[in-house]
Amino acid sequence: MKRYPATAVAVALCLVGVAGAPAAHAEDTVRYDIFSDSVGQLAGVEYRDSSGKHLIENVLLPWTLSVPVVNATSPTSDGAELRADWRPNFRTAATVGRVLQGHFVTVRIMRGDDVLCESILDIGNVTCYGSVAHTAENESSPGNLP
């Protein structure tokens, strides 16, 4: 009869351990969008999914991709990240500034209907991170109407 209390204590401890364990976090699905009405092709797009970082070269715009990430808003390598590069091969500050001025590109990270990040720049390189909530101050910047 002394076995039953010991068994009950062991079962109770197991249940407490299971109940107190953190829930597993399912993967998020994010949509990466890049668009512009003045830039037709990017030198490269770098994005992150649940398997790591990826680089695609010579990307035509507009560009969209839905991918799984471990946790879209994580600041670690589990989070969503998007980078667009449309700088010319000659990369001096003066020439890049003259060539790219006014040629805006928008990058956006969406989770469902929620915009996690949106950034619009005309300097040849723009990034968004799911962990840094950001939306463009001027949603109707030249060349970036969705």
Protein backbone atom coordinates (compact mmCIF):
# COMPACT_ATOMS: atom_id res chain seq x y z
CA MET A 1 0.00 0.00 0.00
CA LYS A 2 2.95 2.33 0.40
CA ARG A 3 3.56 2.13 -3.35
CA TYR A 4 0.44 4.08 -4.23
CA PRO A 5 1.43 7.33 -2.48
CA ALA A 6 4.88 7.22 -4.10
CA THR A 7 3.33 6.60 -7.52
CA ALA A 8 0.82 9.39 -6.99
CA VAL A 9 3.62 11.80 -6.05
CA ALA A 10 5.63 10.82 -9.14
CA VAL A 11 2.61 11.29 -11.43
CA ALA A 12 1.81 14.64 -9.81
CA LEU A 13 5.39 15.85 -10.30
CA CYS A 14 5.30 14.83 -13.97
CA LEU A 15 2.03 16.68 -14.51
CA VAL A 16 3.40 19.82 -12.84
CA GLY A 17 6.49 19.62 -15.06
CA VAL A 18 4.41 19.28 -18.23
CA ALA A 19 1.99 22.04 -17.23
CA GLY A 20 4.85 24.42 -16.42
CA ALA A 21 6.76 23.79 -19.65
CA PRO A 22 6.63 26.60 -22.22
CA ALA A 23 4.44 25.97 -25.22
CA ALA A 24 6.23 25.22 -28.45
CA HIS A 25 6.11 28.18 -30.85
CA ALA A 26 4.78 27.28 -34.26
CA GLU A 27 6.43 28.87 -37.27
CA ASP A 28 5.10 32.15 -38.62
CA THR A 29 4.51 32.72 -42.31
CA VAL A 30 5.59 36.10 -43.63
CA ARG A 31 5.25 37.71 -47.03
CA TYR A 32 8.14 39.74 -48.39
CA ASP A 33 7.21 42.44 -50.94
CA ILE A 34 9.50 44.70 -52.96
CA PHE A 35 8.17 47.19 -55.50
CA SER A 36 8.94 50.43 -57.31
CA ASP A 37 7.71 52.30 -60.35
CA SER A 38 11.14 53.72 -61.21
CA VAL A 39 13.45 50.73 -60.59
CA GLY A 40 12.78 47.65 -62.69
CA GLN A 41 15.51 45.29 -61.51
CA LEU A 42 17.53 44.76 -58.35
CA ALA A 43 21.13 43.61 -58.17
CA GLY A 44 20.12 41.39 -55.26
CA VAL A 45 17.50 40.44 -52.71
CA GLU A 46 18.52 38.94 -49.40
CA TYR A 47 15.88 37.39 -47.16
CA ARG A 48 15.64 35.07 -44.18
CA ASP A 49 13.43 32.03 -43.72
CA SER A 50 13.41 29.20 -41.20
CA SER A 51 16.43 27.58 -42.88
CA GLY A 52 18.61 30.72 -42.89
CA LYS A 53 19.60 33.64 -45.14
CA HIS A 54 19.27 33.49 -48.91
CA LEU A 55 20.50 35.73 -51.73
CA ILE A 56 18.83 36.00 -55.12
CA GLU A 57 20.58 38.06 -57.80
CA ASN A 58 19.12 40.02 -60.72
CA VAL A 59 15.55 40.21 -59.42
CA LEU A 60 12.81 41.81 -61.50
CA LEU A 61 10.26 44.03 -59.73
CA PRO A 62 7.66 43.76 -58.37
CA TRP A 63 8.77 40.78 -56.29
CA THR A 64 6.83 38.81 -53.65
CA LEU A 65 7.68 35.69 -51.66
CA SER A 66 5.90 33.94 -48.76
CA VAL A 67 8.14 31.94 -46.45
CA PRO A 68 8.09 30.33 -43.00
CA VAL A 69 10.19 31.89 -40.23
CA VAL A 70 10.60 30.61 -36.70
CA ASN A 71 9.35 33.85 -35.08
CA ALA A 72 8.69 36.82 -37.36
CA THR A 73 9.37 39.46 -34.70
CA SER A 74 12.47 37.89 -33.16
CA PRO A 75 15.63 40.05 -33.21
CA THR A 76 17.72 36.89 -33.61
CA SER A 77 18.37 34.74 -36.66
CA ASP A 78 14.86 33.30 -36.15
CA GLY A 79 13.25 36.57 -37.25
CA ALA A 80 12.06 37.98 -40.56
CA GLU A 81 14.57 40.04 -42.56
CA LEU A 82 14.50 41.54 -46.06
CA ARG A 83 17.10 43.57 -47.95
CA ALA A 84 17.03 44.99 -51.48
CA ASP A 85 20.13 46.26 -53.30
CA TRP A 86 19.91 48.19 -56.58
CA ARG A 87 23.23 50.06 -56.42
CA PRO A 88 25.20 50.24 -59.66
CA ASN A 89 28.54 48.46 -59.97
CA PHE A 90 30.40 51.76 -59.63
CA ARG A 91 29.95 52.64 -55.99
CA THR A 92 31.33 56.05 -55.18
CA ALA A 93 29.08 58.15 -52.99
CA ALA A 94 28.81 60.94 -55.56
CA THR A 95 27.86 58.74 -58.51
CA VAL A 96 25.47 56.54 -56.54
CA GLY A 97 23.75 59.61 -55.15
CA ARG A 98 23.32 61.19 -58.60
CA VAL A 99 22.23 57.99 -60.34
CA LEU A 100 19.76 56.81 -57.70
CA GLN A 101 18.25 60.05 -56.45
CA GLY A 102 14.49 59.85 -56.78
CA HIS A 103 14.51 56.15 -57.70
CA PHE A 104 12.64 54.84 -54.65
CA VAL A 105 12.22 51.18 -53.74
CA THR A 106 9.85 49.90 -51.06
CA VAL A 107 10.47 46.75 -49.02
CA ARG A 108 7.71 45.36 -46.80
CA ILE A 109 7.29 42.44 -44.41
CA MET A 110 3.74 41.25 -43.76
CA ARG A 111 2.40 38.66 -41.32
CA GLY A 112 -1.18 38.04 -42.35
CA ASP A 113 -2.75 41.49 -42.72
CA ASP A 114 -0.25 43.10 -40.34
CA VAL A 115 2.61 45.21 -41.69
CA LEU A 116 5.62 44.34 -39.52
CA CYS A 117 7.98 46.66 -41.38
CA GLU A 118 7.94 48.92 -44.42
CA SER A 119 10.82 51.04 -45.61
CA ILE A 120 11.21 53.31 -48.64
CA LEU A 121 14.60 54.62 -49.77
CA ASP A 122 16.35 55.93 -52.88
CA ILE A 123 19.96 55.29 -51.84
CA GLY A 124 20.37 51.89 -53.50
CA ASN A 125 19.99 49.69 -50.44
CA VAL A 126 17.00 49.27 -48.13
CA THR A 127 16.23 46.81 -45.32
CA CYS A 128 13.38 45.70 -43.10
CA TYR A 129 13.41 43.57 -39.96
CA GLY A 130 10.34 41.94 -38.43
CA SER A 131 11.68 42.81 -34.98
CA VAL A 132 11.78 46.55 -35.72
CA ALA A 133 8.27 47.82 -36.23
CA HIS A 134 8.57 50.52 -38.86
CA THR A 135 6.32 51.96 -41.52
CA ALA A 136 7.17 54.65 -44.01
CA GLU A 137 6.31 58.17 -42.84
CA ASN A 138 5.06 59.10 -46.28
CA GLU A 139 3.09 56.19 -47.68
CA SER A 140 2.73 57.93 -51.03
CA SER A 141 6.42 58.57 -51.64
CA PRO A 142 7.19 58.97 -55.34
CA GLY A 143 7.42 55.70 -57.18
CA ASN A 144 6.03 53.52 -54.47
CA LEU A 145 2.33 53.16 -54.80
CA PRO A 146 1.39 49.48 -54.35
